[in-house]
């Protein structure tokens, strides 16, 4: 893993460890590496009224857009369940749709990394591949 991706992984893991997941005990961290080298993170936030919670990916992406509009280079997601395992768990449909919106608004592709166990990652060259047959602004 490159030094840049290792840094992204470290930030993503730190975000995951701060997740507020008292109900599911399923922690998720998301890291977004920007073109300028900055890393934006998010983690899942649960609520006793379950629909009021929000996923790590959407928190990170909305945080990014609320603060700046720097192009994205890479996105990484990591998870941990109540047993301390890192299960292969990809973003939900709502998060995929949000990430797609950001990907469609920039010319360059965004690489995507999903940690599938303690030592390996699933890699996509373009996160748009997460949502085939997608709904975009082009159909509006």
N, C-alpha and C. Protein backbone atom coordinates (compact mmCIF):
# COMPACT_ATOMS: atom_id res chain seq x y z
N UNK A 1 0.85 -1.17 0.00
CA UNK A 1 0.00 0.00 0.00
C UNK A 1 0.91 1.24 0.00
N UNK A 2 0.56 2.20 -0.85
CA UNK A 2 1.35 3.43 -0.93
C UNK A 2 1.24 4.20 0.39
N UNK A 3 2.16 5.12 0.59
CA UNK A 3 2.15 5.96 1.79
C UNK A 3 0.86 6.78 1.86
N UNK A 4 0.42 7.26 0.71
CA UNK A 4 -0.82 8.06 0.64
C UNK A 4 -2.03 7.23 1.06
N UNK A 5 -2.12 5.99 0.54
CA UNK A 5 -3.24 5.13 0.91
C UNK A 5 -3.13 4.68 2.36
N UNK A 6 -1.93 4.49 2.86
CA UNK A 6 -1.77 4.12 4.28
C UNK A 6 -2.27 5.25 5.17
N UNK A 7 -1.98 6.49 4.79
CA UNK A 7 -2.47 7.63 5.54
C UNK A 7 -4.00 7.68 5.50
N UNK A 8 -4.58 7.46 4.32
CA UNK A 8 -6.04 7.42 4.19
C UNK A 8 -6.61 6.32 5.07
N UNK A 9 -5.98 5.15 5.06
CA UNK A 9 -6.44 4.04 5.89
C UNK A 9 -6.38 4.41 7.38
N UNK A 10 -5.30 5.01 7.81
CA UNK A 10 -5.16 5.41 9.22
C UNK A 10 -6.27 6.38 9.63
N UNK A 11 -6.55 7.36 8.79
CA UNK A 11 -7.62 8.32 9.08
C UNK A 11 -8.99 7.63 9.11
N UNK A 12 -9.20 6.72 8.17
CA UNK A 12 -10.47 6.01 8.09
C UNK A 12 -10.68 5.13 9.32
N UNK A 13 -9.63 4.45 9.75
CA UNK A 13 -9.71 3.61 10.95
C UNK A 13 -9.99 4.46 12.19
N UNK A 14 -9.31 5.59 12.31
CA UNK A 14 -9.53 6.47 13.45
C UNK A 14 -10.98 6.97 13.48
N UNK A 15 -11.52 7.30 12.32
CA UNK A 15 -12.92 7.74 12.24
C UNK A 15 -13.84 6.60 12.66
N UNK A 16 -13.56 5.39 12.18
CA UNK A 16 -14.39 4.23 12.52
C UNK A 16 -14.43 4.02 14.03
N UNK A 17 -13.29 4.16 14.68
CA UNK A 17 -13.22 3.94 16.13
C UNK A 17 -14.06 4.95 16.92
N UNK A 18 -14.36 6.10 16.32
CA UNK A 18 -15.16 7.13 16.98
C UNK A 18 -16.65 7.05 16.63
N UNK A 19 -17.03 6.04 15.84
CA UNK A 19 -18.44 5.90 15.45
C UNK A 19 -19.33 5.77 16.68
N UNK A 20 -20.53 6.30 16.54
CA UNK A 20 -21.53 6.17 17.60
C UNK A 20 -22.50 5.08 17.17
N UNK A 21 -22.26 3.86 17.65
CA UNK A 21 -23.04 2.70 17.22
C UNK A 21 -23.46 1.85 18.42
N UNK A 22 -24.17 2.44 19.41
CA UNK A 22 -24.52 1.69 20.61
C UNK A 22 -25.57 0.60 20.39
N UNK A 23 -26.30 0.66 19.29
CA UNK A 23 -27.37 -0.30 19.05
C UNK A 23 -26.92 -1.47 18.19
N UNK A 24 -26.33 -1.18 17.06
CA UNK A 24 -25.89 -2.25 16.16
C UNK A 24 -24.51 -2.79 16.54
N UNK A 25 -23.73 -1.97 17.24
CA UNK A 25 -22.33 -2.32 17.55
C UNK A 25 -21.53 -2.54 16.27
N UNK A 26 -21.97 -1.94 15.17
CA UNK A 26 -21.33 -2.07 13.87
C UNK A 26 -20.76 -0.70 13.51
N UNK A 27 -19.45 -0.56 13.62
CA UNK A 27 -18.79 0.73 13.39
C UNK A 27 -18.31 0.83 11.95
N UNK A 28 -18.51 2.00 11.37
CA UNK A 28 -18.10 2.26 9.99
C UNK A 28 -17.34 3.58 9.95
N UNK A 29 -16.23 3.59 9.22
CA UNK A 29 -15.48 4.80 8.98
C UNK A 29 -15.32 5.02 7.50
N UNK A 30 -15.35 6.26 7.08
CA UNK A 30 -15.16 6.61 5.67
C UNK A 30 -14.12 7.72 5.60
N UNK A 31 -13.18 7.56 4.69
CA UNK A 31 -12.17 8.58 4.45
C UNK A 31 -12.20 9.00 3.00
N UNK A 32 -12.09 10.29 2.77
CA UNK A 32 -12.08 10.84 1.41
C UNK A 32 -10.76 11.59 1.22
N UNK A 33 -9.96 11.10 0.29
CA UNK A 33 -8.69 11.76 -0.04
C UNK A 33 -8.94 12.75 -1.17
N UNK A 34 -8.64 14.01 -0.91
CA UNK A 34 -8.87 15.06 -1.90
C UNK A 34 -7.63 15.26 -2.77
N UNK A 35 -7.82 15.92 -3.89
CA UNK A 35 -6.71 16.20 -4.81
C UNK A 35 -5.61 17.01 -4.14
N UNK A 36 -5.97 17.84 -3.18
CA UNK A 36 -4.97 18.68 -2.50
C UNK A 36 -4.26 17.93 -1.37
N UNK A 37 -4.58 16.63 -1.17
CA UNK A 37 -3.94 15.82 -0.15
C UNK A 37 -4.67 15.79 1.18
N UNK A 38 -5.65 16.66 1.35
CA UNK A 38 -6.42 16.69 2.59
C UNK A 38 -7.30 15.45 2.67
N UNK A 39 -7.59 15.00 3.88
CA UNK A 39 -8.46 13.84 4.10
C UNK A 39 -9.64 14.27 4.95
N UNK A 40 -10.84 14.01 4.46
CA UNK A 40 -12.09 14.28 5.16
C UNK A 40 -12.62 12.93 5.65
N UNK A 41 -13.09 12.86 6.89
CA UNK A 41 -13.61 11.60 7.41
C UNK A 41 -15.02 11.74 7.93
N UNK A 42 -15.66 10.59 8.07
CA UNK A 42 -16.98 10.51 8.67
C UNK A 42 -17.13 9.14 9.29
N UNK A 43 -18.09 9.01 10.20
CA UNK A 43 -18.39 7.71 10.79
C UNK A 43 -19.90 7.60 11.01
N UNK A 44 -20.36 6.37 11.17
CA UNK A 44 -21.80 6.21 11.34
C UNK A 44 -22.25 6.73 12.70
N UNK A 45 -23.44 7.31 12.71
CA UNK A 45 -24.04 7.89 13.89
C UNK A 45 -25.45 7.33 14.05
N UNK A 46 -25.64 6.48 15.06
CA UNK A 46 -26.94 5.85 15.27
C UNK A 46 -27.79 6.69 16.22
N UNK A 47 -29.08 6.35 16.28
CA UNK A 47 -30.02 7.03 17.13
C UNK A 47 -31.07 6.03 17.53
N UNK A 48 -31.63 6.16 18.73
CA UNK A 48 -32.67 5.24 19.19
C UNK A 48 -33.84 5.23 18.21
N UNK A 49 -34.13 6.35 17.59
CA UNK A 49 -35.11 6.40 16.50
C UNK A 49 -34.31 6.11 15.23
N UNK A 50 -34.19 4.83 14.89
CA UNK A 50 -33.25 4.36 13.86
C UNK A 50 -33.17 5.20 12.59
N UNK A 51 -34.28 5.62 11.99
CA UNK A 51 -34.14 6.41 10.75
C UNK A 51 -33.42 7.75 10.94
N UNK A 52 -33.27 8.18 12.18
CA UNK A 52 -32.60 9.45 12.43
C UNK A 52 -31.08 9.35 12.36
N UNK A 53 -30.54 8.14 12.32
CA UNK A 53 -29.09 7.97 12.21
C UNK A 53 -28.62 8.23 10.79
N UNK A 54 -27.31 8.18 10.59
CA UNK A 54 -26.76 8.43 9.26
C UNK A 54 -25.48 7.63 9.09
N UNK A 55 -25.26 7.17 7.88
CA UNK A 55 -24.09 6.36 7.53
C UNK A 55 -22.82 7.21 7.45
N UNK A 56 -21.69 6.54 7.64
CA UNK A 56 -20.38 7.19 7.61
C UNK A 56 -20.11 7.86 6.27
N UNK A 57 -20.46 7.17 5.17
CA UNK A 57 -20.16 7.69 3.84
C UNK A 57 -20.89 9.00 3.59
N UNK A 58 -22.18 9.05 3.92
CA UNK A 58 -22.93 10.28 3.68
C UNK A 58 -22.45 11.41 4.58
N UNK A 59 -22.09 11.09 5.81
CA UNK A 59 -21.56 12.13 6.70
C UNK A 59 -20.29 12.72 6.11
N UNK A 60 -19.38 11.87 5.66
CA UNK A 60 -18.12 12.37 5.09
C UNK A 60 -18.36 13.20 3.84
N UNK A 61 -19.22 12.71 2.93
CA UNK A 61 -19.46 13.44 1.69
C UNK A 61 -20.19 14.75 1.93
N UNK A 62 -21.17 14.76 2.82
CA UNK A 62 -21.89 15.99 3.11
C UNK A 62 -20.98 16.99 3.83
N UNK A 63 -20.12 16.49 4.70
CA UNK A 63 -19.15 17.35 5.38
C UNK A 63 -18.24 18.01 4.35
N UNK A 64 -17.76 17.21 3.41
CA UNK A 64 -16.89 17.75 2.35
C UNK A 64 -17.60 18.88 1.61
N UNK A 65 -18.79 18.62 1.12
CA UNK A 65 -19.50 19.62 0.31
C UNK A 65 -19.87 20.84 1.12
N UNK A 66 -20.13 20.68 2.42
CA UNK A 66 -20.50 21.84 3.24
C UNK A 66 -19.31 22.75 3.52
N UNK A 67 -18.08 22.20 3.39
CA UNK A 67 -16.90 22.98 3.70
C UNK A 67 -16.11 23.43 2.48
N UNK A 68 -16.14 22.64 1.40
CA UNK A 68 -15.36 22.97 0.21
C UNK A 68 -15.82 22.11 -0.97
N UNK A 69 -15.24 22.38 -2.12
CA UNK A 69 -15.59 21.61 -3.31
C UNK A 69 -14.34 21.13 -4.04
N UNK A 70 -13.35 20.71 -3.29
CA UNK A 70 -12.11 20.19 -3.85
C UNK A 70 -12.37 18.83 -4.49
N UNK A 71 -11.80 18.57 -5.67
CA UNK A 71 -11.99 17.26 -6.30
C UNK A 71 -11.50 16.11 -5.42
N UNK A 72 -12.15 14.98 -5.56
CA UNK A 72 -11.86 13.78 -4.78
C UNK A 72 -10.94 12.86 -5.58
N UNK A 73 -9.94 12.31 -4.92
CA UNK A 73 -9.04 11.34 -5.54
C UNK A 73 -9.44 9.91 -5.20
N UNK A 74 -9.67 9.64 -3.90
CA UNK A 74 -9.97 8.28 -3.45
C UNK A 74 -10.94 8.30 -2.28
N UNK A 75 -11.68 7.19 -2.15
CA UNK A 75 -12.58 6.99 -1.01
C UNK A 75 -12.26 5.63 -0.42
N UNK A 76 -12.24 5.55 0.91
CA UNK A 76 -12.00 4.29 1.58
C UNK A 76 -13.04 4.10 2.68
N UNK A 77 -13.52 2.86 2.82
CA UNK A 77 -14.48 2.53 3.87
C UNK A 77 -13.95 1.32 4.62
N UNK A 78 -14.10 1.36 5.93
CA UNK A 78 -13.73 0.22 6.76
C UNK A 78 -14.80 0.01 7.82
N UNK A 79 -14.97 -1.23 8.25
CA UNK A 79 -16.01 -1.57 9.20
C UNK A 79 -15.46 -2.48 10.30
N UNK A 80 -16.19 -2.52 11.40
CA UNK A 80 -15.86 -3.45 12.49
C UNK A 80 -17.16 -3.82 13.18
N UNK A 81 -17.39 -5.12 13.37
CA UNK A 81 -18.60 -5.55 14.06
C UNK A 81 -18.36 -5.73 15.55
N UNK A 82 -19.39 -6.16 16.27
CA UNK A 82 -19.28 -6.26 17.73
C UNK A 82 -18.27 -7.29 18.20
N UNK A 83 -17.84 -8.18 17.32
CA UNK A 83 -16.83 -9.18 17.66
C UNK A 83 -15.41 -8.69 17.34
N UNK A 84 -15.31 -7.45 16.83
CA UNK A 84 -14.02 -6.90 16.47
C UNK A 84 -13.55 -7.35 15.10
N UNK A 85 -14.41 -8.03 14.35
CA UNK A 85 -14.06 -8.50 13.00
C UNK A 85 -14.33 -7.39 11.99
N UNK A 86 -13.64 -7.48 10.87
CA UNK A 86 -13.82 -6.53 9.78
C UNK A 86 -14.52 -7.25 8.63
N UNK A 87 -15.83 -7.34 8.71
CA UNK A 87 -16.55 -8.08 7.68
C UNK A 87 -16.59 -7.34 6.35
N UNK A 88 -16.66 -8.09 5.27
CA UNK A 88 -16.82 -7.48 3.95
C UNK A 88 -18.23 -6.90 3.91
N UNK A 89 -18.31 -5.59 3.92
CA UNK A 89 -19.60 -4.92 3.99
C UNK A 89 -19.53 -3.65 3.15
N UNK A 90 -20.19 -3.64 2.03
CA UNK A 90 -20.13 -2.51 1.12
C UNK A 90 -21.19 -1.47 1.45
N UNK A 91 -21.03 -0.24 0.96
CA UNK A 91 -21.97 0.83 1.25
C UNK A 91 -23.41 0.48 0.84
N UNK A 92 -24.35 1.00 1.61
CA UNK A 92 -25.77 0.80 1.30
C UNK A 92 -26.14 1.55 0.02
N UNK A 93 -27.32 1.31 -0.47
CA UNK A 93 -27.78 1.94 -1.71
C UNK A 93 -27.84 3.45 -1.63
N UNK A 94 -28.31 3.98 -0.49
CA UNK A 94 -28.39 5.43 -0.34
C UNK A 94 -27.01 6.07 -0.41
N UNK A 95 -26.03 5.44 0.23
CA UNK A 95 -24.66 5.98 0.19
C UNK A 95 -24.07 5.87 -1.20
N UNK A 96 -24.37 4.79 -1.89
CA UNK A 96 -23.87 4.63 -3.26
C UNK A 96 -24.43 5.74 -4.15
N UNK A 97 -25.70 6.08 -3.95
CA UNK A 97 -26.32 7.13 -4.76
C UNK A 97 -25.67 8.48 -4.46
N UNK A 98 -25.40 8.76 -3.20
CA UNK A 98 -24.76 10.03 -2.83
C UNK A 98 -23.35 10.10 -3.41
N UNK A 99 -22.59 9.02 -3.27
CA UNK A 99 -21.22 9.02 -3.80
C UNK A 99 -21.23 9.18 -5.32
N UNK A 100 -22.20 8.56 -5.97
CA UNK A 100 -22.33 8.68 -7.42
C UNK A 100 -22.55 10.13 -7.83
N UNK A 101 -23.37 10.84 -7.10
CA UNK A 101 -23.64 12.25 -7.40
C UNK A 101 -22.34 13.05 -7.42
N UNK A 102 -21.49 12.82 -6.43
CA UNK A 102 -20.21 13.52 -6.37
C UNK A 102 -19.30 13.09 -7.51
N UNK A 103 -19.29 11.80 -7.81
CA UNK A 103 -18.43 11.29 -8.89
C UNK A 103 -18.86 11.86 -10.24
N UNK A 104 -20.15 12.00 -10.46
CA UNK A 104 -20.66 12.53 -11.72
C UNK A 104 -20.36 14.01 -11.88
N UNK A 105 -20.09 14.70 -10.78
CA UNK A 105 -19.82 16.14 -10.83
C UNK A 105 -18.35 16.49 -10.99
N UNK A 106 -17.51 15.49 -11.20
CA UNK A 106 -16.11 15.78 -11.48
C UNK A 106 -15.65 14.95 -12.66
N UNK A 107 -14.68 15.47 -13.39
CA UNK A 107 -14.21 14.82 -14.61
C UNK A 107 -13.40 13.57 -14.34
N UNK A 108 -12.51 13.63 -13.36
CA UNK A 108 -11.64 12.49 -13.07
C UNK A 108 -12.38 11.41 -12.29
N UNK A 109 -11.93 10.19 -12.45
CA UNK A 109 -12.52 9.08 -11.70
C UNK A 109 -12.08 9.15 -10.24
N UNK A 110 -12.83 8.48 -9.40
CA UNK A 110 -12.54 8.40 -7.97
C UNK A 110 -12.31 6.93 -7.65
N UNK A 111 -11.13 6.60 -7.17
CA UNK A 111 -10.87 5.20 -6.79
C UNK A 111 -11.57 4.91 -5.47
N UNK A 112 -11.98 3.66 -5.30
CA UNK A 112 -12.73 3.24 -4.12
C UNK A 112 -12.07 2.02 -3.50
N UNK A 113 -11.89 2.05 -2.18
CA UNK A 113 -11.28 0.94 -1.44
C UNK A 113 -12.20 0.54 -0.30
N UNK A 114 -12.49 -0.75 -0.20
CA UNK A 114 -13.29 -1.30 0.89
C UNK A 114 -12.46 -2.34 1.60
N UNK A 115 -12.22 -2.13 2.88
CA UNK A 115 -11.43 -3.12 3.64
C UNK A 115 -12.28 -4.37 3.83
N UNK A 116 -11.75 -5.52 3.44
CA UNK A 116 -12.50 -6.77 3.53
C UNK A 116 -12.02 -7.70 4.64
N UNK A 117 -10.85 -7.47 5.16
CA UNK A 117 -10.37 -8.14 6.36
C UNK A 117 -9.20 -7.33 6.89
N UNK A 118 -8.52 -7.85 7.89
CA UNK A 118 -7.47 -7.07 8.55
C UNK A 118 -6.36 -6.63 7.60
N UNK A 119 -6.12 -7.38 6.53
CA UNK A 119 -4.96 -7.09 5.68
C UNK A 119 -5.26 -6.88 4.20
N UNK A 120 -6.51 -6.88 3.80
CA UNK A 120 -6.77 -6.74 2.37
C UNK A 120 -7.95 -5.81 2.09
N UNK A 121 -7.94 -5.29 0.86
CA UNK A 121 -8.94 -4.33 0.41
C UNK A 121 -9.50 -4.75 -0.93
N UNK A 122 -10.76 -4.44 -1.14
CA UNK A 122 -11.37 -4.56 -2.45
C UNK A 122 -11.17 -3.19 -3.10
N UNK A 123 -10.71 -3.16 -4.34
CA UNK A 123 -10.42 -1.90 -5.01
C UNK A 123 -11.20 -1.78 -6.30
N UNK A 124 -11.80 -0.62 -6.49
CA UNK A 124 -12.44 -0.27 -7.76
C UNK A 124 -11.73 0.95 -8.32
N UNK A 125 -11.42 0.93 -9.59
CA UNK A 125 -10.76 2.07 -10.22
C UNK A 125 -11.68 3.29 -10.28
N UNK A 126 -12.98 3.05 -10.28
CA UNK A 126 -13.95 4.15 -10.37
C UNK A 126 -15.15 3.80 -9.50
N UNK A 127 -15.42 4.61 -8.49
CA UNK A 127 -16.52 4.28 -7.58
C UNK A 127 -17.88 4.26 -8.26
N UNK A 128 -17.97 4.82 -9.46
CA UNK A 128 -19.25 4.76 -10.20
C UNK A 128 -19.64 3.31 -10.50
N UNK A 129 -18.66 2.41 -10.42
CA UNK A 129 -18.93 1.00 -10.66
C UNK A 129 -19.75 0.38 -9.52
N UNK A 130 -19.86 1.06 -8.38
CA UNK A 130 -20.65 0.57 -7.26
C UNK A 130 -22.16 0.60 -7.55
N UNK A 131 -22.56 1.42 -8.50
CA UNK A 131 -23.99 1.58 -8.74
C UNK A 131 -24.29 1.50 -10.24
N UNK A 132 -24.26 0.29 -10.79
CA UNK A 132 -24.59 0.15 -12.21
C UNK A 132 -26.07 0.49 -12.45
N UNK A 133 -26.40 0.87 -13.65
CA UNK A 133 -27.78 1.22 -14.02
C UNK A 133 -28.30 2.31 -13.09
N UNK A 134 -27.47 3.31 -12.84
CA UNK A 134 -27.77 4.32 -11.84
C UNK A 134 -28.71 5.41 -12.34
N UNK A 135 -29.30 6.10 -11.39
CA UNK A 135 -30.17 7.25 -11.62
C UNK A 135 -29.31 8.49 -11.46
N UNK A 136 -29.18 9.28 -12.53
CA UNK A 136 -28.37 10.49 -12.48
C UNK A 136 -29.15 11.69 -12.95
N UNK A 137 -28.55 12.86 -12.83
CA UNK A 137 -29.20 14.11 -13.24
C UNK A 137 -29.49 14.12 -14.75
N UNK A 138 -28.82 13.25 -15.50
CA UNK A 138 -29.03 13.20 -16.96
C UNK A 138 -30.44 12.77 -17.36
N UNK A 139 -31.15 12.12 -16.44
CA UNK A 139 -32.51 11.67 -16.77
C UNK A 139 -33.57 12.66 -16.32
N UNK A 140 -33.17 13.70 -15.61
CA UNK A 140 -34.15 14.68 -15.12
C UNK A 140 -34.58 15.63 -16.22
